[in-house]
Amino acid sequence: MGMHGNDTPTERLSGSVERVTFHSEESGFCVLRVKVKGHRELVIVIGSAASITPGEYVECVGTWQNDKTHGLQFKSTLLKVVPPSTLEGIEKYLGSGMVKGIGPHFAKILVKAFGV
């Protein structure tokens, strides 16, 4: 092994999922685009989650890696999904089609009716 492999410190990262680029039902492997405070661009997060939807909030622990093709990515060793707590998040979550019978339009009405 040698000394080299472990020079990247583990970091914490949290933000809201803007887009699920890839998710495998079988393995849980996922590639997410996450809106993180302090980052102008969406951060590419690689990890695994049983299920993941836009609008959900994720907390990750992992390391930054620079990929030749895709640029900077956050490779998470631990990825925790936190249910949405903001109006925007809930609206996105409801409108994503995860909840049967609720589309984007109805999501807006529901959120207006219930508030946070």
PDB file of N, CA and C in Angstrom:
ATOM      1  N   MET A   1       0.816  -1.209   0.000  1.00  0.00           N
ATOM      2  CA  MET A   1       0.000   0.000   0.000  1.00  0.00           C
ATOM      3  C   MET A   1       0.854   1.264   0.000  1.00  0.00           C
ATOM      4  N   GLY A   2       1.782   1.378   0.959  1.00  0.00           N
ATOM      5  CA  GLY A   2       2.588   2.592   1.041  1.00  0.00           C
ATOM      6  C   GLY A   2       1.806   3.720   1.679  1.00  0.00           C
ATOM      7  N   MET A   3       2.476   4.871   1.779  1.00  0.00           N
ATOM      8  CA  MET A   3       1.891   5.994   2.503  1.00  0.00           C
ATOM      9  C   MET A   3       0.932   6.805   1.643  1.00  0.00           C
ATOM     10  N   HIS A   4       0.937   6.571   0.329  1.00  0.00           N
ATOM     11  CA  HIS A   4       0.331   7.577  -0.542  1.00  0.00           C
ATOM     12  C   HIS A   4      -1.192   7.649  -0.520  1.00  0.00           C
ATOM     13  N   GLY A   5      -1.848   6.479  -0.413  1.00  0.00           N
ATOM     14  CA  GLY A   5      -3.299   6.464  -0.614  1.00  0.00           C
ATOM     15  C   GLY A   5      -4.125   7.306   0.328  1.00  0.00           C
ATOM     16  N   ASN A   6      -3.590   7.635   1.500  1.00  0.00           N
ATOM     17  CA  ASN A   6      -4.460   8.215   2.509  1.00  0.00           C
ATOM     18  C   ASN A   6      -4.229   9.702   2.771  1.00  0.00           C
ATOM     19  N   ASP A   7      -3.732  10.426   1.779  1.00  0.00           N
ATOM     20  CA  ASP A   7      -3.394  11.817   2.046  1.00  0.00           C
ATOM     21  C   ASP A   7      -4.578  12.779   1.850  1.00  0.00           C
ATOM     22  N   THR A   8      -5.742  12.245   1.435  1.00  0.00           N
ATOM     23  CA  THR A   8      -6.880  13.143   1.295  1.00  0.00           C
ATOM     24  C   THR A   8      -7.740  13.059   2.540  1.00  0.00           C
ATOM     25  N   PRO A   9      -7.922  14.205   3.215  1.00  0.00           N
ATOM     26  CA  PRO A   9      -8.700  14.196   4.442  1.00  0.00           C
ATOM     27  C   PRO A   9     -10.189  14.003   4.145  1.00  0.00           C
ATOM     28  N   THR A  10     -10.873  13.373   5.079  1.00  0.00           N
ATOM     29  CA  THR A  10     -12.309  13.182   4.940  1.00  0.00           C
ATOM     30  C   THR A  10     -13.017  14.497   5.219  1.00  0.00           C
ATOM     31  N   GLU A  11     -13.992  14.808   4.382  1.00  0.00           N
ATOM     32  CA  GLU A  11     -14.736  16.047   4.576  1.00  0.00           C
ATOM     33  C   GLU A  11     -16.213  15.746   4.690  1.00  0.00           C
ATOM     34  N   ARG A  12     -16.946  16.714   5.232  1.00  0.00           N
ATOM     35  CA  ARG A  12     -18.400  16.614   5.274  1.00  0.00           C
ATOM     36  C   ARG A  12     -18.981  17.550   4.236  1.00  0.00           C
ATOM     37  N   LEU A  13     -20.073  17.118   3.659  1.00  0.00           N
ATOM     38  CA  LEU A  13     -20.712  17.924   2.619  1.00  0.00           C
ATOM     39  C   LEU A  13     -22.209  17.742   2.768  1.00  0.00           C
ATOM     40  N   SER A  14     -22.951  18.824   2.699  1.00  0.00           N
ATOM     41  CA  SER A  14     -24.401  18.667   2.709  1.00  0.00           C
ATOM     42  C   SER A  14     -25.055  19.683   1.788  1.00  0.00           C
ATOM     43  N   GLY A  15     -26.174  19.293   1.222  1.00  0.00           N
ATOM     44  CA  GLY A  15     -26.874  20.179   0.313  1.00  0.00           C
ATOM     45  C   GLY A  15     -28.114  19.511  -0.226  1.00  0.00           C
ATOM     46  N   SER A  16     -28.797  20.216  -1.124  1.00  0.00           N
ATOM     47  CA  SER A  16     -30.032  19.650  -1.662  1.00  0.00           C
ATOM     48  C   SER A  16     -29.784  19.065  -3.042  1.00  0.00           C
ATOM     49  N   VAL A  17     -30.407  17.941  -3.297  1.00  0.00           N
ATOM     50  CA  VAL A  17     -30.237  17.240  -4.562  1.00  0.00           C
ATOM     51  C   VAL A  17     -31.010  17.974  -5.649  1.00  0.00           C
ATOM     52  N   GLU A  18     -30.291  18.472  -6.649  1.00  0.00           N
ATOM     53  CA  GLU A  18     -30.938  19.163  -7.760  1.00  0.00           C
ATOM     54  C   GLU A  18     -31.319  18.169  -8.847  1.00  0.00           C
ATOM     55  N   ARG A  19     -30.425  17.203  -9.046  1.00  0.00           N
ATOM     56  CA  ARG A  19     -30.653  16.246 -10.117  1.00  0.00           C
ATOM     57  C   ARG A  19     -30.020  14.910  -9.769  1.00  0.00           C
ATOM     58  N   VAL A  20     -30.742  13.849 -10.091  1.00  0.00           N
ATOM     59  CA  VAL A  20     -30.180  12.515  -9.930  1.00  0.00           C
ATOM     60  C   VAL A  20     -29.710  12.084 -11.317  1.00  0.00           C
ATOM     61  N   THR A  21     -28.395  12.112 -11.533  1.00  0.00           N
ATOM     62  CA  THR A  21     -27.841  11.792 -12.835  1.00  0.00           C
ATOM     63  C   THR A  21     -27.925  10.296 -13.101  1.00  0.00           C
ATOM     64  N   PHE A  22     -27.661   9.531 -12.041  1.00  0.00           N
ATOM     65  CA  PHE A  22     -27.705   8.081 -12.190  1.00  0.00           C
ATOM     66  C   PHE A  22     -28.040   7.441 -10.859  1.00  0.00           C
ATOM     67  N   HIS A  23     -28.878   6.424 -10.881  1.00  0.00           N
ATOM     68  CA  HIS A  23     -29.143   5.660  -9.661  1.00  0.00           C
ATOM     69  C   HIS A  23     -29.454   4.217 -10.023  1.00  0.00           C
ATOM     70  N   SER A  24     -28.729   3.290  -9.416  1.00  0.00           N
ATOM     71  CA  SER A  24     -28.964   1.871  -9.657  1.00  0.00           C
ATOM     72  C   SER A  24     -29.810   1.302  -8.525  1.00  0.00           C
ATOM     73  N   GLU A  25     -30.954   0.736  -8.886  1.00  0.00           N
ATOM     74  CA  GLU A  25     -31.846   0.132  -7.893  1.00  0.00           C
ATOM     75  C   GLU A  25     -31.146  -1.009  -7.159  1.00  0.00           C
ATOM     76  N   GLU A  26     -30.393  -1.816  -7.909  1.00  0.00           N
ATOM     77  CA  GLU A  26     -29.770  -3.014  -7.326  1.00  0.00           C
ATOM     78  C   GLU A  26     -28.694  -2.660  -6.310  1.00  0.00           C
ATOM     79  N   SER A  27     -27.712  -1.879  -6.746  1.00  0.00           N
ATOM     80  CA  SER A  27     -26.549  -1.632  -5.885  1.00  0.00           C
ATOM     81  C   SER A  27     -26.707  -0.381  -5.029  1.00  0.00           C
ATOM     82  N   GLY A  28     -27.608   0.510  -5.443  1.00  0.00           N
ATOM     83  CA  GLY A  28     -27.771   1.761  -4.723  1.00  0.00           C
ATOM     84  C   GLY A  28     -26.795   2.836  -5.170  1.00  0.00           C
ATOM     85  N   PHE A  29     -25.878   2.445  -6.083  1.00  0.00           N
ATOM     86  CA  PHE A  29     -24.882   3.400  -6.578  1.00  0.00           C
ATOM     87  C   PHE A  29     -25.581   4.594  -7.227  1.00  0.00           C
ATOM     88  N   CYS A  30     -25.163   5.798  -6.849  1.00  0.00           N
ATOM     89  CA  CYS A  30     -25.799   6.964  -7.449  1.00  0.00           C
ATOM     90  C   CYS A  30     -24.813   8.090  -7.732  1.00  0.00           C
ATOM     91  N   VAL A  31     -25.157   8.865  -8.738  1.00  0.00           N
ATOM     92  CA  VAL A  31     -24.418  10.071  -9.085  1.00  0.00           C
ATOM     93  C   VAL A  31     -25.408  11.228  -8.985  1.00  0.00           C
ATOM     94  N   LEU A  32     -25.102  12.174  -8.126  1.00  0.00           N
ATOM     95  CA  LEU A  32     -26.036  13.258  -7.853  1.00  0.00           C
ATOM     96  C   LEU A  32     -25.421  14.604  -8.178  1.00  0.00           C
ATOM     97  N   ARG A  33     -26.285  15.537  -8.535  1.00  0.00           N
ATOM     98  CA  ARG A  33     -25.826  16.928  -8.615  1.00  0.00           C
ATOM     99  C   ARG A  33     -26.460  17.664  -7.451  1.00  0.00           C
ATOM    100  N   VAL A  34     -25.596  18.158  -6.582  1.00  0.00           N
ATOM    101  CA  VAL A  34     -26.065  18.702  -5.319  1.00  0.00           C
ATOM    102  C   VAL A  34     -25.740  20.191  -5.209  1.00  0.00           C
ATOM    103  N   LYS A  35     -26.731  20.946  -4.739  1.00  0.00           N
ATOM    104  CA  LYS A  35     -26.536  22.375  -4.529  1.00  0.00           C
ATOM    105  C   LYS A  35     -25.975  22.547  -3.122  1.00  0.00           C
ATOM    106  N   VAL A  36     -24.734  22.997  -3.050  1.00  0.00           N
ATOM    107  CA  VAL A  36     -24.054  23.113  -1.762  1.00  0.00           C
ATOM    108  C   VAL A  36     -23.771  24.583  -1.462  1.00  0.00           C
ATOM    109  N   LYS A  37     -24.055  24.995  -0.230  1.00  0.00           N
ATOM    110  CA  LYS A  37     -23.755  26.373   0.186  1.00  0.00           C
ATOM    111  C   LYS A  37     -22.294  26.672  -0.052  1.00  0.00           C
ATOM    112  N   GLY A  38     -22.023  27.826  -0.642  1.00  0.00           N
ATOM    113  CA  GLY A  38     -20.640  28.233  -0.843  1.00  0.00           C
ATOM    114  C   GLY A  38     -20.052  27.750  -2.163  1.00  0.00           C
ATOM    115  N   HIS A  39     -20.808  26.934  -2.897  1.00  0.00           N
ATOM    116  CA  HIS A  39     -20.360  26.502  -4.222  1.00  0.00           C
ATOM    117  C   HIS A  39     -21.291  27.097  -5.265  1.00  0.00           C
ATOM    118  N   ARG A  40     -20.725  27.779  -6.246  1.00  0.00           N
ATOM    119  CA  ARG A  40     -21.553  28.355  -7.306  1.00  0.00           C
ATOM    120  C   ARG A  40     -22.116  27.260  -8.201  1.00  0.00           C
ATOM    121  N   GLU A  41     -21.250  26.322  -8.556  1.00  0.00           N
ATOM    122  CA  GLU A  41     -21.668  25.229  -9.432  1.00  0.00           C
ATOM    123  C   GLU A  41     -22.291  24.120  -8.603  1.00  0.00           C
ATOM    124  N   LEU A  42     -23.099  23.295  -9.251  1.00  0.00           N
ATOM    125  CA  LEU A  42     -23.610  22.111  -8.580  1.00  0.00           C
ATOM    126  C   LEU A  42     -22.450  21.140  -8.374  1.00  0.00           C
ATOM    127  N   VAL A  43     -22.418  20.494  -7.227  1.00  0.00           N
ATOM    128  CA  VAL A  43     -21.353  19.556  -6.911  1.00  0.00           C
ATOM    129  C   VAL A  43     -21.780  18.147  -7.327  1.00  0.00           C
ATOM    130  N   ILE A  44     -20.878  17.438  -8.006  1.00  0.00           N
ATOM    131  CA  ILE A  44     -21.163  16.055  -8.374  1.00  0.00           C
ATOM    132  C   ILE A  44     -20.807  15.172  -7.189  1.00  0.00           C
ATOM    133  N   VAL A  45     -21.816  14.478  -6.674  1.00  0.00           N
ATOM    134  CA  VAL A  45     -21.596  13.594  -5.531  1.00  0.00           C
ATOM    135  C   VAL A  45     -21.820  12.153  -5.963  1.00  0.00           C
ATOM    136  N   ILE A  46     -20.854  11.299  -5.637  1.00  0.00           N
ATOM    137  CA  ILE A  46     -20.965   9.878  -5.951  1.00  0.00           C
ATOM    138  C   ILE A  46     -21.103   9.126  -4.635  1.00  0.00           C
ATOM    139  N   GLY A  47     -22.077   8.238  -4.587  1.00  0.00           N
ATOM    140  CA  GLY A  47     -22.258   7.502  -3.344  1.00  0.00           C
ATOM    141  C   GLY A  47     -23.241   6.373  -3.551  1.00  0.00           C
ATOM    142  N   SER A  48     -23.860   5.927  -2.454  1.00  0.00           N
ATOM    143  CA  SER A  48     -24.911   4.950  -2.621  1.00  0.00           C
ATOM    144  C   SER A  48     -26.053   5.252  -1.671  1.00  0.00           C
ATOM    145  N   ALA A  49     -27.268   5.074  -2.172  1.00  0.00           N
ATOM    146  CA  ALA A  49     -28.471   5.342  -1.401  1.00  0.00           C
ATOM    147  C   ALA A  49     -29.558   4.402  -1.889  1.00  0.00           C
ATOM    148  N   ALA A  50     -30.373   3.943  -0.951  1.00  0.00           N
ATOM    149  CA  ALA A  50     -31.447   3.014  -1.312  1.00  0.00           C
ATOM    150  C   ALA A  50     -32.401   3.675  -2.298  1.00  0.00           C
ATOM    151  N   SER A  51     -32.753   4.923  -2.007  1.00  0.00           N
ATOM    152  CA  SER A  51     -33.572   5.674  -2.954  1.00  0.00           C
ATOM    153  C   SER A  51     -33.231   7.141  -2.779  1.00  0.00           C
ATOM    154  N   ILE A  52     -33.303   7.869  -3.884  1.00  0.00           N
ATOM    155  CA  ILE A  52     -32.922   9.286  -3.834  1.00  0.00           C
ATOM    156  C   ILE A  52     -33.754  10.064  -4.840  1.00  0.00           C
ATOM    157  N   THR A  53     -34.229  11.233  -4.424  1.00  0.00           N
ATOM    158  CA  THR A  53     -35.117  12.040  -5.248  1.00  0.00           C
ATOM    159  C   THR A  53     -34.682  13.496  -5.220  1.00  0.00           C
ATOM    160  N   PRO A  54     -34.855  14.202  -6.346  1.00  0.00           N
ATOM    161  CA  PRO A  54     -34.569  15.634  -6.331  1.00  0.00           C
ATOM    162  C   PRO A  54     -35.376  16.322  -5.236  1.00  0.00           C
ATOM    163  N   GLY A  55     -34.748  17.282  -4.556  1.00  0.00           N
ATOM    164  CA  GLY A  55     -35.442  17.998  -3.498  1.00  0.00           C
ATOM    165  C   GLY A  55     -35.077  17.453  -2.131  1.00  0.00           C
ATOM    166  N   GLU A  56     -34.569  16.220  -2.108  1.00  0.00           N
ATOM    167  CA  GLU A  56     -34.131  15.664  -0.835  1.00  0.00           C
ATOM    168  C   GLU A  56     -32.799  16.296  -0.450  1.00  0.00           C
ATOM    169  N   TYR A  57     -32.528  16.267   0.818  1.00  0.00           N
ATOM    170  CA  TYR A  57     -31.312  16.867   1.347  1.00  0.00           C
ATOM    171  C   TYR A  57     -30.368  15.732   1.703  1.00  0.00           C
ATOM    172  N   VAL A  58     -29.110  15.864   1.320  1.00  0.00           N
ATOM    173  CA  VAL A  58     -28.159  14.801   1.653  1.00  0.00           C
ATOM    174  C   VAL A  58     -27.025  15.323   2.529  1.00  0.00           C
ATOM    175  N   GLU A  59     -26.584  14.476   3.423  1.00  0.00           N
ATOM    176  CA  GLU A  59     -25.389  14.753   4.207  1.00  0.00           C
ATOM    177  C   GLU A  59     -24.387  13.665   3.866  1.00  0.00           C
ATOM    178  N   CYS A  60     -23.207  14.079   3.432  1.00  0.00           N
ATOM    179  CA  CYS A  60     -22.214  13.110   2.956  1.00  0.00           C
ATOM    180  C   CYS A  60     -20.911  13.273   3.724  1.00  0.00           C
ATOM    181  N   VAL A  61     -20.215  12.163   3.855  1.00  0.00           N
ATOM    182  CA  VAL A  61     -18.852  12.176   4.362  1.00  0.00           C
ATOM    183  C   VAL A  61     -18.004  11.492   3.300  1.00  0.00           C
ATOM    184  N   GLY A  62     -16.906  12.115   2.904  1.00  0.00           N
ATOM    185  CA  GLY A  62     -16.092  11.510   1.864  1.00  0.00           C
ATOM    186  C   GLY A  62     -14.907  12.375   1.495  1.00  0.00           C
ATOM    187  N   THR A  63     -14.424  12.176   0.274  1.00  0.00           N
ATOM    188  CA  THR A  63     -13.247  12.922  -0.168  1.00  0.00           C
ATOM    189  C   THR A  63     -13.471  13.513  -1.556  1.00  0.00           C
ATOM    190  N   TRP A  64     -12.783  14.615  -1.820  1.00  0.00           N
ATOM    191  CA  TRP A  64     -12.824  15.249  -3.143  1.00  0.00           C
ATOM    192  C   TRP A  64     -11.883  14.506  -4.073  1.00  0.00           C
ATOM    193  N   GLN A  65     -12.331  14.266  -5.289  1.00  0.00           N
ATOM    194  CA  GLN A  65     -11.463  13.650  -6.287  1.00  0.00           C
ATOM    195  C   GLN A  65     -11.577  14.405  -7.591  1.00  0.00           C
ATOM    196  N   ASN A  66     -10.439  14.525  -8.260  1.00  0.00           N
ATOM    197  CA  ASN A  66     -10.473  15.193  -9.556  1.00  0.00           C
ATOM    198  C   ASN A  66     -10.493  14.149 -10.655  1.00  0.00           C
ATOM    199  N   ASP A  67     -11.608  14.076 -11.353  1.00  0.00           N
ATOM    200  CA  ASP A  67     -11.782  13.086 -12.405  1.00  0.00           C
ATOM    201  C   ASP A  67     -11.378  13.698 -13.737  1.00  0.00           C
ATOM    202  N   LYS A  68     -10.597  12.927 -14.534  1.00  0.00           N
ATOM    203  CA  LYS A  68     -10.105  13.455 -15.820  1.00  0.00           C
ATOM    204  C   LYS A  68     -11.255  13.905 -16.708  1.00  0.00           C
ATOM    205  N   THR A  69     -12.340  13.127 -16.716  1.00  0.00           N
ATOM    206  CA  THR A  69     -13.460  13.434 -17.603  1.00  0.00           C
ATOM    207  C   THR A  69     -14.437  14.424 -17.000  1.00  0.00           C
ATOM    208  N   HIS A  70     -14.802  14.199 -15.729  1.00  0.00           N
ATOM    209  CA  HIS A  70     -15.914  14.947 -15.160  1.00  0.00           C
ATOM    210  C   HIS A  70     -15.505  16.084 -14.233  1.00  0.00           C
ATOM    211  N   GLY A  71     -14.189  16.253 -14.017  1.00  0.00           N
ATOM    212  CA  GLY A  71     -13.749  17.320 -13.131  1.00  0.00           C
ATOM    213  C   GLY A  71     -13.864  16.921 -11.664  1.00  0.00           C
ATOM    214  N   LEU A  72     -14.064  17.917 -10.815  1.00  0.00           N
ATOM    215  CA  LEU A  72     -14.076  17.686  -9.377  1.00  0.00           C
ATOM    216  C   LEU A  72     -15.353  16.975  -8.942  1.00  0.00           C
ATOM    217  N   GLN A  73     -15.179  15.904  -8.178  1.00  0.00           N
ATOM    218  CA  GLN A  73     -16.312  15.139  -7.680  1.00  0.00           C
ATOM    219  C   GLN A  73     -16.118  14.858  -6.206  1.00  0.00           C
ATOM    220  N   PHE A  74     -17.217  14.716  -5.508  1.00  0.00           N
ATOM    221  CA  PHE A  74     -17.143  14.343  -4.100  1.00  0.00           C
ATOM    222  C   PHE A  74     -17.544  12.886  -3.982  1.00  0.00           C
ATOM    223  N   LYS A  75     -16.572  12.050  -3.616  1.00  0.00           N
ATOM    224  CA  LYS A  75     -16.839  10.622  -3.520  1.00  0.00           C
ATOM    225  C   LYS A  75     -17.174  10.317  -2.066  1.00  0.00           C
ATOM    226  N   SER A  76     -18.443  10.007  -1.812  1.00  0.00           N
ATOM    227  CA  SER A  76     -18.857   9.848  -0.423  1.00  0.00           C
ATOM    228  C   SER A  76     -18.773   8.394   0.022  1.00  0.00           C
ATOM    229  N   THR A  77     -18.260   8.215   1.246  1.00  0.00           N
ATOM    230  CA  THR A  77     -18.189   6.887   1.837  1.00  0.00           C
ATOM    231  C   THR A  77     -19.465   6.660   2.648  1.00  0.00           C
ATOM    232  N   LEU A  78     -20.063   7.767   3.067  1.00  0.00           N
ATOM    233  CA  LEU A  78     -21.296   7.698   3.829  1.00  0.00           C
ATOM    234  C   LEU A  78     -22.252   8.749   3.289  1.00  0.00           C
ATOM    235  N   LEU A  79     -23.455   8.330   2.931  1.00  0.00           N
ATOM    236  CA  LEU A  79     -24.418   9.267   2.382  1.00  0.00           C
ATOM    237  C   LEU A  79     -25.744   9.080   3.115  1.00  0.00           C
ATOM    238  N   LYS A  80     -26.185  10.150   3.759  1.00  0.00           N
ATOM    239  CA  LYS A  80     -27.419  10.084   4.535  1.00  0.00           C
ATOM    240  C   LYS A  80     -28.452  10.991   3.898  1.00  0.00           C
ATOM    241  N   VAL A  81     -29.645  10.445   3.665  1.00  0.00           N
ATOM    242  CA  VAL A  81     -30.703  11.251   3.063  1.00  0.00           C
ATOM    243  C   VAL A  81     -31.579  11.834   4.171  1.00  0.00           C
ATOM    244  N   VAL A  82     -31.735  13.155   4.128  1.00  0.00           N
ATOM    245  CA  VAL A  82     -32.554  13.843   5.112  1.00  0.00           C
ATOM    246  C   VAL A  82     -33.813  14.318   4.395  1.00  0.00           C
ATOM    247  N   PRO A  83     -35.005  14.031   4.938  1.00  0.00           N
ATOM    248  CA  PRO A  83     -36.236  14.470   4.268  1.00  0.00           C
ATOM    249  C   PRO A  83     -36.261  15.987   4.091  1.00  0.00           C
ATOM    250  N   PRO A  84     -36.900  16.463   3.026  1.00  0.00           N
ATOM    251  CA  PRO A  84     -36.914  17.905   2.745  1.00  0.00           C
ATOM    252  C   PRO A  84     -37.664  18.667   3.832  1.00  0.00           C
ATOM    253  N   SER A  85     -37.157  19.828   4.203  1.00  0.00           N
ATOM    254  CA  SER A  85     -37.820  20.614   5.234  1.00  0.00           C
ATOM    255  C   SER A  85     -38.176  22.008   4.736  1.00  0.00           C
ATOM    256  N   THR A  86     -37.686  22.358   3.550  1.00  0.00           N
ATOM    257  CA  THR A  86     -38.013  23.676   3.010  1.00  0.00           C
ATOM    258  C   THR A  86     -39.175  23.541   2.043  1.00  0.00           C
ATOM    259  N   LEU A  87     -39.899  24.626   1.856  1.00  0.00           N
ATOM    260  CA  LEU A  87     -41.028  24.620   0.930  1.00  0.00           C
ATOM    261  C   LEU A  87     -40.599  24.201  -0.459  1.00  0.00           C
ATOM    262  N   GLU A  88     -39.508  24.800  -0.912  1.00  0.00           N
ATOM    263  CA  GLU A  88     -38.998  24.515  -2.249  1.00  0.00           C
ATOM    264  C   GLU A  88     -38.645  23.040  -2.376  1.00  0.00           C
ATOM    265  N   GLY A  89     -38.012  22.527  -1.315  1.00  0.00           N
ATOM    266  CA  GLY A  89     -37.607  21.132  -1.306  1.00  0.00           C
ATOM    267  C   GLY A  89     -38.798  20.188  -1.331  1.00  0.00           C
ATOM    268  N   ILE A  90     -39.799  20.518  -0.514  1.00  0.00           N
ATOM    269  CA  ILE A  90     -40.990  19.681  -0.443  1.00  0.00           C
ATOM    270  C   ILE A  90     -41.722  19.708  -1.781  1.00  0.00           C
ATOM    271  N   GLU A  91     -41.790  20.894  -2.381  1.00  0.00           N
ATOM    272  CA  GLU A  91     -42.468  21.050  -3.666  1.00  0.00           C
ATOM    273  C   GLU A  91     -41.784  20.213  -4.740  1.00  0.00           C
ATOM    274  N   LYS A  92     -40.462  20.271  -4.746  1.00  0.00           N
ATOM    275  CA  LYS A  92     -39.671  19.517  -5.707  1.00  0.00           C
ATOM    276  C   LYS A  92     -39.869  18.017  -5.485  1.00  0.00           C
ATOM    277  N   TYR A  93     -39.881  17.649  -4.200  1.00  0.00           N
ATOM    278  CA  TYR A  93     -40.017  16.253  -3.811  1.00  0.00           C
ATOM    279  C   TYR A  93     -41.388  15.709  -4.228  1.00  0.00           C
ATOM    280  N   LEU A  94     -42.439  16.456  -3.923  1.00  0.00           N
ATOM    281  CA  LEU A  94     -43.790  16.020  -4.279  1.00  0.00           C
ATOM    282  C   LEU A  94     -43.988  16.012  -5.792  1.00  0.00           C
ATOM    283  N   GLY A  95     -43.390  17.003  -6.447  1.00  0.00           N
ATOM    284  CA  GLY A  95     -43.568  17.148  -7.882  1.00  0.00           C
ATOM    285  C   GLY A  95     -42.748  16.175  -8.706  1.00  0.00           C
ATOM    286  N   SER A  96     -41.851  15.422  -8.026  1.00  0.00           N
ATOM    287  CA  SER A  96     -40.936  14.540  -8.759  1.00  0.00           C
ATOM    288  C   SER A  96     -41.641  13.269  -9.211  1.00  0.00           C
ATOM    289  N   GLY A  97     -42.890  13.065  -8.735  1.00  0.00           N
ATOM    290  CA  GLY A  97     -43.614  11.868  -9.130  1.00  0.00           C
ATOM    291  C   GLY A  97     -43.373  10.697  -8.197  1.00  0.00           C
ATOM    292  N   MET A  98     -42.601  10.931  -7.120  1.00  0.00           N
ATOM    293  CA  MET A  98     -42.340   9.863  -6.158  1.00  0.00           C
ATOM    294  C   MET A  98     -43.616   9.516  -5.393  1.00  0.00           C
ATOM    295  N   VAL A  99     -44.403  10.544  -5.101  1.00  0.00           N
ATOM    296  CA  VAL A  99     -45.649  10.311  -4.395  1.00  0.00           C
ATOM    297  C   VAL A  99     -46.741  10.139  -5.448  1.00  0.00           C
ATOM    298  N   LYS A 100     -47.342   8.972  -5.493  1.00  0.00           N
ATOM    299  CA  LYS A 100     -48.302   8.644  -6.554  1.00  0.00           C
ATOM    300  C   LYS A 100     -49.450   9.651  -6.606  1.00  0.00           C
ATOM    301  N   GLY A 101     -49.779  10.076  -7.811  1.00  0.00           N
ATOM    302  CA  GLY A 101     -50.944  10.934  -8.008  1.00  0.00           C
ATOM    303  C   GLY A 101     -50.680  12.407  -7.781  1.00  0.00           C
ATOM    304  N   ILE A 102     -49.448  12.756  -7.450  1.00  0.00           N
ATOM    305  CA  ILE A 102     -49.138  14.172  -7.232  1.00  0.00           C
ATOM    306  C   ILE A 102     -48.144  14.644  -8.279  1.00  0.00           C
ATOM    307  N   GLY A 103     -48.561  15.593  -9.086  1.00  0.00           N
ATOM    308  CA  GLY A 103     -47.661  16.176 -10.085  1.00  0.00           C
ATOM    309  C   GLY A 103     -47.172  17.526  -9.600  1.00  0.00           C
ATOM    310  N   PRO A 104     -46.328  18.181 -10.418  1.00  0.00           N
ATOM    311  CA  PRO A 104     -45.750  19.477 -10.023  1.00  0.00           C
ATOM    312  C   PRO A 104     -46.812  20.516  -9.673  1.00  0.00           C
ATOM    313  N   HIS A 105     -47.917  20.533 -10.447  1.00  0.00           N
ATOM    314  CA  HIS A 105     -48.944  21.552 -10.231  1.00  0.00           C
ATOM    315  C   HIS A 105     -49.619  21.347  -8.879  1.00  0.00           C
ATOM    316  N   PHE A 106     -49.998  20.106  -8.621  1.00  0.00           N
ATOM    317  CA  PHE A 106     -50.673  19.775  -7.378  1.00  0.00           C
ATOM    318  C   PHE A 106     -49.745  19.971  -6.182  1.00  0.00           C
ATOM    319  N   ALA A 107     -48.474  19.713  -6.400  1.00  0.00           N
ATOM    320  CA  ALA A 107     -47.468  19.901  -5.342  1.00  0.00           C
ATOM    321  C   ALA A 107     -47.474  21.340  -4.871  1.00  0.00           C
ATOM    322  N   LYS A 108     -47.519  22.283  -5.839  1.00  0.00           N
ATOM    323  CA  LYS A 108     -47.532  23.703  -5.511  1.00  0.00           C
ATOM    324  C   LYS A 108     -48.733  24.032  -4.628  1.00  0.00           C
ATOM    325  N   ILE A 109     -49.902  23.519  -5.022  1.00  0.00           N
ATOM    326  CA  ILE A 109     -51.128  23.796  -4.276  1.00  0.00           C
ATOM    327  C   ILE A 109     -51.024  23.226  -2.865  1.00  0.00           C
ATOM    328  N   LEU A 110     -50.532  21.989  -2.787  1.00  0.00           N
ATOM    329  CA  LEU A 110     -50.389  21.345  -1.480  1.00  0.00           C
ATOM    330  C   LEU A 110     -49.474  22.145  -0.567  1.00  0.00           C
ATOM    331  N   VAL A 111     -48.329  22.561  -1.100  1.00  0.00           N
ATOM    332  CA  VAL A 111     -47.353  23.293  -0.307  1.00  0.00           C
ATOM    333  C   VAL A 111     -47.952  24.611   0.156  1.00  0.00           C
ATOM    334  N   LYS A 112     -48.670  25.309  -0.744  1.00  0.00           N
ATOM    335  CA  LYS A 112     -49.336  26.555  -0.363  1.00  0.00           C
ATOM    336  C   LYS A 112     -50.326  26.305   0.764  1.00  0.00           C
ATOM    337  N   ALA A 113     -51.056  25.189   0.658  1.00  0.00           N
ATOM    338  CA  ALA A 113     -52.089  24.899   1.641  1.00  0.00           C
ATOM    339  C   ALA A 113     -51.493  24.553   3.000  1.00  0.00           C
ATOM    340  N   PHE A 114     -50.433  23.772   3.003  1.00  0.00           N
ATOM    341  CA  PHE A 114     -49.915  23.264   4.272  1.00  0.00           C
ATOM    342  C   PHE A 114     -48.784  24.087   4.874  1.00  0.00           C
ATOM    343  N   GLY A 115     -48.046  24.781   4.029  1.00  0.00           N
ATOM    344  CA  GLY A 115     -46.892  25.496   4.535  1.00  0.00           C
ATOM    345  C   GLY A 115     -45.856  24.497   5.016  1.00  0.00           C
ATOM    346  N   VAL A 116     -44.876  24.968   5.772  1.00  0.00           N
ATOM    347  CA  VAL A 116     -43.797  24.071   6.185  1.00  0.00           C
ATOM    348  C   VAL A 116     -44.270  23.160   7.318  1.00  0.00           C
TER     349      VAL A 116
END
